[in-house]
Amino acid sequence: MILLFHYLSVLNIFDAFITYFGLENSVIQEMNPVMNHLYETHPILFLFTKLAFSACLYLFIHFKKVPTSTAVKGLTVFASSFYTLIFFLHCYWLVDLL
């Protein structure tokens, strides 16, 4: 579980900057309505929020409070898988469009 929390955190950090770059250059659109609203409010707010999510995951790791329930494990595996697909999709769009 700790490894998955690390993975999600790092992936989220990379995705934050890749998404920011794509949005700033108008080559991708943010499909998450909450994150889109944050970006439209202020791009730095978007980045801060994404980085805060990663910081929260690292706080779980740092304080040795990573949940180990079956539900959390399943959700973490699903989130990791889904987020990996989204990350590669963003990377593909950027490489293809640039």
N, C-alpha and C. Protein backbone atom coordinates (compact mmCIF):
# COMPACT_ATOMS: atom_id res chain seq x y z
N MET A 1 0.82 -1.20 0.00
CA MET A 1 0.00 0.00 0.00
C MET A 1 0.86 1.25 0.00
N ILE A 2 1.94 1.23 0.74
CA ILE A 2 2.81 2.40 0.79
C ILE A 2 3.37 2.69 -0.60
N LEU A 3 3.75 1.64 -1.30
CA LEU A 3 4.27 1.81 -2.66
C LEU A 3 3.21 2.44 -3.57
N LEU A 4 1.97 2.01 -3.45
CA LEU A 4 0.90 2.59 -4.26
C LEU A 4 0.65 4.06 -3.90
N PHE A 5 0.76 4.39 -2.63
CA PHE A 5 0.61 5.80 -2.23
C PHE A 5 1.73 6.64 -2.82
N HIS A 6 2.96 6.11 -2.80
CA HIS A 6 4.08 6.81 -3.44
C HIS A 6 3.80 6.98 -4.94
N TYR A 7 3.39 5.90 -5.57
CA TYR A 7 3.12 5.91 -7.00
C TYR A 7 2.05 6.95 -7.36
N LEU A 8 0.94 6.93 -6.63
CA LEU A 8 -0.12 7.90 -6.90
C LEU A 8 0.35 9.33 -6.70
N SER A 9 1.13 9.54 -5.67
CA SER A 9 1.62 10.88 -5.38
C SER A 9 2.54 11.40 -6.49
N VAL A 10 3.50 10.59 -6.89
CA VAL A 10 4.43 11.00 -7.95
C VAL A 10 3.69 11.18 -9.27
N LEU A 11 2.81 10.25 -9.58
CA LEU A 11 2.03 10.36 -10.81
C LEU A 11 1.20 11.63 -10.82
N ASN A 12 0.61 11.96 -9.70
CA ASN A 12 -0.19 13.16 -9.59
C ASN A 12 0.65 14.42 -9.79
N ILE A 13 1.87 14.42 -9.26
CA ILE A 13 2.76 15.57 -9.44
C ILE A 13 3.12 15.75 -10.92
N PHE A 14 3.53 14.66 -11.56
CA PHE A 14 3.85 14.74 -12.99
C PHE A 14 2.63 15.18 -13.79
N ASP A 15 1.49 14.58 -13.49
CA ASP A 15 0.27 14.91 -14.22
C ASP A 15 -0.13 16.37 -14.01
N ALA A 16 0.10 16.90 -12.83
CA ALA A 16 -0.22 18.30 -12.56
C ALA A 16 0.51 19.21 -13.54
N PHE A 17 1.80 18.98 -13.70
CA PHE A 17 2.58 19.86 -14.57
C PHE A 17 2.32 19.59 -16.05
N ILE A 18 2.11 18.34 -16.41
CA ILE A 18 1.78 18.04 -17.81
C ILE A 18 0.43 18.64 -18.17
N THR A 19 -0.54 18.49 -17.29
CA THR A 19 -1.87 19.05 -17.54
C THR A 19 -1.80 20.57 -17.60
N TYR A 20 -1.07 21.16 -16.67
CA TYR A 20 -0.91 22.61 -16.65
C TYR A 20 -0.32 23.09 -17.97
N PHE A 21 0.73 22.42 -18.44
CA PHE A 21 1.37 22.79 -19.70
C PHE A 21 0.37 22.68 -20.86
N GLY A 22 -0.38 21.58 -20.88
CA GLY A 22 -1.36 21.39 -21.95
C GLY A 22 -2.47 22.41 -21.92
N LEU A 23 -2.93 22.76 -20.73
CA LEU A 23 -3.99 23.76 -20.61
C LEU A 23 -3.48 25.14 -20.97
N GLU A 24 -2.29 25.48 -20.51
CA GLU A 24 -1.72 26.79 -20.81
C GLU A 24 -1.50 26.99 -22.31
N ASN A 25 -1.20 25.91 -23.01
CA ASN A 25 -0.94 26.00 -24.45
C ASN A 25 -2.16 25.61 -25.28
N SER A 26 -3.29 25.45 -24.62
CA SER A 26 -4.57 25.16 -25.28
C SER A 26 -4.53 23.93 -26.18
N VAL A 27 -3.80 22.90 -25.74
CA VAL A 27 -3.75 21.67 -26.53
C VAL A 27 -4.57 20.55 -25.89
N ILE A 28 -4.98 20.72 -24.63
CA ILE A 28 -5.86 19.75 -23.98
C ILE A 28 -6.92 20.52 -23.20
N GLN A 29 -7.96 19.80 -22.79
CA GLN A 29 -8.99 20.37 -21.93
C GLN A 29 -9.08 19.54 -20.67
N GLU A 30 -9.34 20.22 -19.56
CA GLU A 30 -9.54 19.52 -18.30
C GLU A 30 -10.97 19.04 -18.25
N MET A 31 -11.15 17.73 -18.15
CA MET A 31 -12.49 17.15 -18.16
C MET A 31 -13.10 17.05 -16.76
N ASN A 32 -12.27 17.11 -15.73
CA ASN A 32 -12.77 17.09 -14.37
C ASN A 32 -13.33 18.48 -14.06
N PRO A 33 -14.65 18.59 -13.85
CA PRO A 33 -15.25 19.92 -13.66
C PRO A 33 -14.70 20.68 -12.46
N VAL A 34 -14.35 19.98 -11.40
CA VAL A 34 -13.81 20.66 -10.22
C VAL A 34 -12.43 21.24 -10.54
N MET A 35 -11.56 20.41 -11.13
CA MET A 35 -10.22 20.88 -11.47
C MET A 35 -10.27 21.95 -12.55
N ASN A 36 -11.21 21.83 -13.48
CA ASN A 36 -11.36 22.85 -14.52
C ASN A 36 -11.75 24.19 -13.89
N HIS A 37 -12.67 24.13 -12.92
CA HIS A 37 -13.08 25.37 -12.24
C HIS A 37 -11.89 25.99 -11.50
N LEU A 38 -11.11 25.17 -10.84
CA LEU A 38 -9.93 25.69 -10.14
C LEU A 38 -8.94 26.32 -11.12
N TYR A 39 -8.74 25.66 -12.26
CA TYR A 39 -7.83 26.20 -13.28
C TYR A 39 -8.35 27.53 -13.82
N GLU A 40 -9.65 27.59 -14.10
CA GLU A 40 -10.23 28.82 -14.62
C GLU A 40 -10.21 29.94 -13.59
N THR A 41 -10.32 29.57 -12.30
CA THR A 41 -10.23 30.57 -11.24
C THR A 41 -8.82 31.15 -11.21
N HIS A 42 -7.84 30.28 -11.16
CA HIS A 42 -6.43 30.70 -11.24
C HIS A 42 -5.57 29.45 -11.44
N PRO A 43 -4.74 29.46 -12.46
CA PRO A 43 -3.90 28.27 -12.74
C PRO A 43 -3.03 27.84 -11.56
N ILE A 44 -2.57 28.79 -10.76
CA ILE A 44 -1.74 28.43 -9.61
C ILE A 44 -2.58 27.69 -8.57
N LEU A 45 -3.85 28.04 -8.44
CA LEU A 45 -4.75 27.34 -7.53
C LEU A 45 -4.91 25.88 -7.97
N PHE A 46 -4.99 25.67 -9.28
CA PHE A 46 -5.05 24.32 -9.85
C PHE A 46 -3.80 23.53 -9.43
N LEU A 47 -2.62 24.12 -9.67
CA LEU A 47 -1.37 23.42 -9.32
C LEU A 47 -1.26 23.18 -7.82
N PHE A 48 -1.61 24.18 -7.03
CA PHE A 48 -1.54 24.05 -5.58
C PHE A 48 -2.42 22.89 -5.10
N THR A 49 -3.62 22.80 -5.64
CA THR A 49 -4.55 21.75 -5.23
C THR A 49 -4.01 20.38 -5.60
N LYS A 50 -3.49 20.23 -6.81
CA LYS A 50 -2.93 18.94 -7.23
C LYS A 50 -1.74 18.56 -6.33
N LEU A 51 -0.89 19.53 -6.04
CA LEU A 51 0.28 19.23 -5.21
C LEU A 51 -0.14 18.95 -3.76
N ALA A 52 -1.21 19.59 -3.31
CA ALA A 52 -1.71 19.34 -1.96
C ALA A 52 -2.23 17.90 -1.83
N PHE A 53 -2.85 17.38 -2.89
CA PHE A 53 -3.29 15.98 -2.87
C PHE A 53 -2.10 15.05 -2.66
N SER A 54 -1.02 15.32 -3.39
CA SER A 54 0.18 14.49 -3.23
C SER A 54 0.76 14.64 -1.84
N ALA A 55 0.76 15.84 -1.32
CA ALA A 55 1.27 16.07 0.04
C ALA A 55 0.46 15.28 1.07
N CYS A 56 -0.85 15.22 0.87
CA CYS A 56 -1.70 14.46 1.80
C CYS A 56 -1.33 12.98 1.79
N LEU A 57 -1.09 12.44 0.60
CA LEU A 57 -0.69 11.04 0.52
C LEU A 57 0.63 10.82 1.24
N TYR A 58 1.56 11.75 1.07
CA TYR A 58 2.85 11.61 1.75
C TYR A 58 2.73 11.78 3.26
N LEU A 59 1.75 12.55 3.71
CA LEU A 59 1.52 12.66 5.15
C LEU A 59 1.07 11.33 5.74
N PHE A 60 0.21 10.61 5.01
CA PHE A 60 -0.18 9.27 5.46
C PHE A 60 1.05 8.38 5.61
N ILE A 61 1.94 8.45 4.62
CA ILE A 61 3.15 7.63 4.65
C ILE A 61 4.06 8.06 5.79
N HIS A 62 4.29 9.35 5.89
CA HIS A 62 5.20 9.88 6.90
C HIS A 62 4.77 9.51 8.32
N PHE A 63 3.48 9.63 8.59
CA PHE A 63 2.97 9.35 9.93
C PHE A 63 2.57 7.88 10.13
N LYS A 64 2.91 7.05 9.13
CA LYS A 64 2.64 5.61 9.20
C LYS A 64 1.17 5.32 9.49
N LYS A 65 0.31 6.03 8.78
CA LYS A 65 -1.13 5.87 8.95
C LYS A 65 -1.81 5.46 7.63
N VAL A 66 -1.07 4.76 6.78
CA VAL A 66 -1.63 4.32 5.51
C VAL A 66 -2.70 3.28 5.81
N PRO A 67 -3.94 3.53 5.38
CA PRO A 67 -5.02 2.58 5.64
C PRO A 67 -4.74 1.23 4.97
N THR A 68 -5.18 0.16 5.60
CA THR A 68 -4.92 -1.17 5.05
C THR A 68 -6.20 -1.98 4.83
N SER A 69 -7.35 -1.36 4.94
CA SER A 69 -8.59 -2.10 4.75
C SER A 69 -8.72 -2.56 3.30
N THR A 70 -9.51 -3.58 3.10
CA THR A 70 -9.73 -4.11 1.76
C THR A 70 -10.34 -3.06 0.84
N ALA A 71 -11.26 -2.27 1.36
CA ALA A 71 -11.91 -1.24 0.56
C ALA A 71 -10.89 -0.19 0.09
N VAL A 72 -10.02 0.23 0.99
CA VAL A 72 -9.01 1.24 0.63
C VAL A 72 -8.01 0.65 -0.36
N LYS A 73 -7.64 -0.60 -0.15
CA LYS A 73 -6.72 -1.26 -1.10
C LYS A 73 -7.34 -1.31 -2.50
N GLY A 74 -8.59 -1.73 -2.57
CA GLY A 74 -9.27 -1.81 -3.86
C GLY A 74 -9.39 -0.44 -4.52
N LEU A 75 -9.74 0.56 -3.74
CA LEU A 75 -9.87 1.92 -4.27
C LEU A 75 -8.52 2.45 -4.74
N THR A 76 -7.47 2.15 -3.99
CA THR A 76 -6.13 2.62 -4.36
C THR A 76 -5.65 1.95 -5.64
N VAL A 77 -5.89 0.66 -5.78
CA VAL A 77 -5.51 -0.04 -7.01
C VAL A 77 -6.31 0.51 -8.19
N PHE A 78 -7.62 0.71 -8.00
CA PHE A 78 -8.44 1.27 -9.07
C PHE A 78 -7.96 2.66 -9.45
N ALA A 79 -7.72 3.51 -8.45
CA ALA A 79 -7.26 4.88 -8.71
C ALA A 79 -5.91 4.87 -9.44
N SER A 80 -5.02 4.01 -9.02
CA SER A 80 -3.70 3.92 -9.66
C SER A 80 -3.84 3.50 -11.12
N SER A 81 -4.67 2.51 -11.38
CA SER A 81 -4.86 2.03 -12.75
C SER A 81 -5.51 3.09 -13.63
N PHE A 82 -6.58 3.67 -13.13
CA PHE A 82 -7.30 4.68 -13.90
C PHE A 82 -6.43 5.92 -14.13
N TYR A 83 -5.73 6.35 -13.10
CA TYR A 83 -4.90 7.54 -13.21
C TYR A 83 -3.72 7.31 -14.14
N THR A 84 -3.21 6.09 -14.19
CA THR A 84 -2.14 5.77 -15.14
C THR A 84 -2.63 5.94 -16.56
N LEU A 85 -3.84 5.47 -16.84
CA LEU A 85 -4.41 5.64 -18.18
C LEU A 85 -4.60 7.12 -18.52
N ILE A 86 -5.11 7.88 -17.59
CA ILE A 86 -5.31 9.31 -17.81
C ILE A 86 -3.96 10.00 -18.05
N PHE A 87 -2.98 9.65 -17.27
CA PHE A 87 -1.65 10.25 -17.42
C PHE A 87 -1.09 9.98 -18.81
N PHE A 88 -1.15 8.74 -19.26
CA PHE A 88 -0.63 8.42 -20.59
C PHE A 88 -1.45 9.08 -21.69
N LEU A 89 -2.74 9.23 -21.47
CA LEU A 89 -3.58 9.93 -22.43
C LEU A 89 -3.14 11.38 -22.55
N HIS A 90 -2.90 12.04 -21.43
CA HIS A 90 -2.42 13.43 -21.47
C HIS A 90 -1.07 13.52 -22.18
N CYS A 91 -0.17 12.60 -21.86
CA CYS A 91 1.14 12.59 -22.50
C CYS A 91 1.00 12.38 -24.01
N TYR A 92 0.14 11.47 -24.42
CA TYR A 92 -0.08 11.20 -25.84
C TYR A 92 -0.59 12.45 -26.55
N TRP A 93 -1.59 13.09 -25.96
CA TRP A 93 -2.14 14.30 -26.58
C TRP A 93 -1.07 15.36 -26.76
N LEU A 94 -0.27 15.55 -25.74
CA LEU A 94 0.76 16.59 -25.81
C LEU A 94 1.81 16.27 -26.87
N VAL A 95 2.26 15.02 -26.90
CA VAL A 95 3.26 14.63 -27.90
C VAL A 95 2.66 14.71 -29.30
N ASP A 96 1.44 14.25 -29.47
CA ASP A 96 0.78 14.24 -30.76
C ASP A 96 0.48 15.64 -31.27
N LEU A 97 0.13 16.54 -30.37
CA LEU A 97 -0.28 17.88 -30.79
C LEU A 97 0.87 18.86 -30.89
N LEU A 98 2.00 18.53 -30.32
CA LEU A 98 3.14 19.47 -30.35
C LEU A 98 4.09 19.14 -31.43
